[in-house]
Amino acid sequence: MDDNRSIITAIMNDLAEGNGKPFVEAMADDFTWIMEGTTPWSGRYEGKAVVQEQVLGPLFAQFATPYRNRAHRIIVEGDDVAVLCNGDVETKAGKRYNNSYCYVIRMRDGKMVELREYFDTALVERALEPPANAG
């Protein structure tokens, strides 16, 4: 439990400084990212490579400034970690995408195997272009 707290705390501390590399490195190869809601981004993305190709690549291509995400609370219960956090970035279209999130993460052997993301879906639709695979 303490290991999961320290792993996620370190990842979120790096994200707060604009360094997303440890976040990606902490994904297991069979990582699944579930984005709740009904936005064009919402859905289930299975596999680290799929997440990088269909989520992270298209998302970060829209950002004009480094993406920062600051954790305000981390709650750990065994292999489950909940993170309340806020993103901070400007898109190339000049829109602020400062979303509020609740990540519910399932850990296995020091790696993230699942991340379920709850977020402001109206902001997603106002500030982001749909991913190419939407539809």
Protein backbone atom coordinates (compact mmCIF):
# COMPACT_ATOMS: atom_id res chain seq x y z
CA MET A 1 0.00 0.00 0.00
CA ASP A 2 2.78 2.45 0.92
CA ASP A 3 4.59 1.49 -2.30
CA ASN A 4 1.51 2.35 -4.37
CA ARG A 5 1.20 5.68 -2.56
CA SER A 6 4.85 6.54 -3.16
CA ILE A 7 4.71 5.46 -6.82
CA ILE A 8 1.61 7.54 -7.62
CA THR A 9 2.82 10.49 -5.52
CA ALA A 10 6.11 10.55 -7.45
CA ILE A 11 4.28 10.31 -10.79
CA MET A 12 1.92 13.15 -9.87
CA ASN A 13 4.79 15.31 -8.56
CA ASP A 14 6.48 14.92 -11.96
CA LEU A 15 3.22 15.72 -13.80
CA ALA A 16 2.87 18.88 -11.73
CA GLU A 17 6.21 19.98 -13.20
CA GLY A 18 5.21 19.07 -16.77
CA ASN A 19 7.07 15.73 -16.91
CA GLY A 20 4.73 12.98 -18.13
CA LYS A 21 7.45 10.39 -18.82
CA PRO A 22 7.16 8.62 -15.41
CA PHE A 23 3.36 8.39 -15.91
CA VAL A 24 3.83 6.54 -19.19
CA GLU A 25 6.63 4.39 -17.77
CA ALA A 26 4.32 3.31 -14.91
CA MET A 27 1.74 1.86 -17.32
CA ALA A 28 1.79 -1.93 -17.56
CA ASP A 29 1.86 -3.27 -21.12
CA ASP A 30 -1.77 -4.45 -20.62
CA PHE A 31 -2.80 -1.05 -19.20
CA THR A 32 -6.43 0.00 -19.76
CA TRP A 33 -7.62 3.62 -19.68
CA ILE A 34 -11.35 4.18 -19.29
CA MET A 35 -12.66 7.70 -19.89
CA GLU A 36 -16.16 8.08 -18.53
CA GLY A 37 -18.91 10.04 -20.23
CA THR A 38 -20.15 10.41 -23.77
CA THR A 39 -17.56 12.74 -25.29
CA PRO A 40 -15.70 11.77 -28.48
CA TRP A 41 -12.77 10.98 -26.17
CA SER A 42 -14.81 8.76 -23.84
CA GLY A 43 -14.35 5.03 -24.06
CA ARG A 44 -12.13 2.12 -23.16
CA TYR A 45 -8.57 2.04 -24.49
CA GLU A 46 -6.82 -1.30 -23.94
CA GLY A 47 -3.07 -1.73 -24.07
CA LYS A 48 -0.26 0.74 -23.40
CA ALA A 49 0.51 1.08 -27.12
CA VAL A 50 -3.16 1.83 -27.92
CA VAL A 51 -3.29 4.45 -25.13
CA GLN A 52 -0.17 6.13 -26.47
CA GLU A 53 -1.43 6.08 -30.07
CA GLN A 54 -5.13 6.87 -29.61
CA VAL A 55 -5.14 9.01 -26.46
CA LEU A 56 -1.83 10.58 -25.52
CA GLY A 57 -0.55 11.29 -29.03
CA PRO A 58 -3.69 13.03 -30.34
CA LEU A 59 -4.29 14.80 -27.04
CA PHE A 60 -0.81 16.22 -26.57
CA ALA A 61 -0.68 17.24 -30.25
CA GLN A 62 -3.35 19.83 -29.36
CA PHE A 63 -1.37 21.42 -26.53
CA ALA A 64 0.61 24.63 -27.03
CA THR A 65 2.11 24.67 -23.53
CA PRO A 66 3.53 21.93 -21.31
CA TYR A 67 0.77 19.91 -19.65
CA ARG A 68 0.79 20.06 -15.87
CA ASN A 69 -1.44 18.10 -13.52
CA ARG A 70 -1.39 18.72 -9.77
CA ALA A 71 -2.70 16.18 -7.27
CA HIS A 72 -4.64 17.58 -4.33
CA ARG A 73 -5.48 14.31 -2.66
CA ILE A 74 -4.28 10.72 -3.02
CA ILE A 75 -6.24 7.96 -1.31
CA VAL A 76 -4.83 4.44 -1.23
CA GLU A 77 -6.58 1.21 -0.32
CA GLY A 78 -4.47 -1.80 -1.22
CA ASP A 79 -3.98 -1.87 -4.99
CA ASP A 80 -6.59 0.86 -5.56
CA VAL A 81 -5.50 4.50 -5.69
CA ALA A 82 -7.81 7.49 -6.09
CA VAL A 83 -6.29 10.81 -7.18
CA LEU A 84 -8.10 14.14 -7.15
CA CYS A 85 -6.19 16.48 -9.43
CA ASN A 86 -6.35 19.47 -11.78
CA GLY A 87 -4.74 19.87 -15.18
CA ASP A 88 -3.32 23.09 -16.57
CA VAL A 89 -2.59 23.63 -20.27
CA GLU A 90 -3.40 25.89 -23.21
CA THR A 91 -4.38 24.38 -26.55
CA LYS A 92 -2.95 25.47 -29.89
CA ALA A 93 -6.40 26.93 -30.57
CA GLY A 94 -5.86 29.31 -27.62
CA LYS A 95 -8.34 27.59 -25.29
CA ARG A 96 -7.64 26.77 -21.66
CA TYR A 97 -8.01 23.09 -20.87
CA ASN A 98 -7.77 23.15 -17.09
CA ASN A 99 -9.83 20.10 -16.29
CA SER A 100 -10.60 18.64 -12.87
CA TYR A 101 -10.16 14.89 -12.55
CA CYS A 102 -10.72 11.95 -10.32
CA TYR A 103 -8.50 9.06 -11.36
CA VAL A 104 -9.27 5.65 -9.92
CA ILE A 105 -6.16 3.57 -10.56
CA ARG A 106 -5.67 -0.15 -10.09
CA MET A 107 -2.08 -1.18 -9.44
CA ARG A 108 -0.31 -4.52 -9.92
CA ASP A 109 3.32 -5.17 -9.03
CA GLY A 110 4.17 -1.46 -8.96
CA LYS A 111 2.55 -0.69 -12.34
CA MET A 112 -0.75 0.92 -13.30
CA VAL A 113 -3.00 -1.68 -14.94
CA GLU A 114 -6.18 0.39 -15.10
CA LEU A 115 -7.06 4.07 -14.88
CA ARG A 116 -10.70 5.12 -14.77
CA GLU A 117 -10.97 8.86 -15.41
CA TYR A 118 -13.85 11.05 -14.30
CA PHE A 119 -13.64 14.60 -15.69
CA ASP A 120 -15.56 17.69 -16.80
CA THR A 121 -17.03 16.38 -20.05
CA ALA A 122 -18.47 19.76 -21.08
CA LEU A 123 -14.98 21.26 -20.93
CA VAL A 124 -13.62 18.42 -23.08
CA GLU A 125 -16.18 19.19 -25.76
CA ARG A 126 -15.53 22.97 -25.60
CA ALA A 127 -11.74 22.92 -25.53
CA LEU A 128 -10.57 19.82 -27.43
CA GLU A 129 -10.89 18.64 -30.99
CA PRO A 130 -12.22 15.06 -31.25
CA PRO A 131 -9.59 12.36 -31.76
CA ALA A 132 -9.21 11.01 -35.29
CA ASN A 133 -10.55 7.61 -34.19
CA ALA A 134 -13.82 9.12 -32.84
CA GLY A 135 -17.02 8.32 -34.50
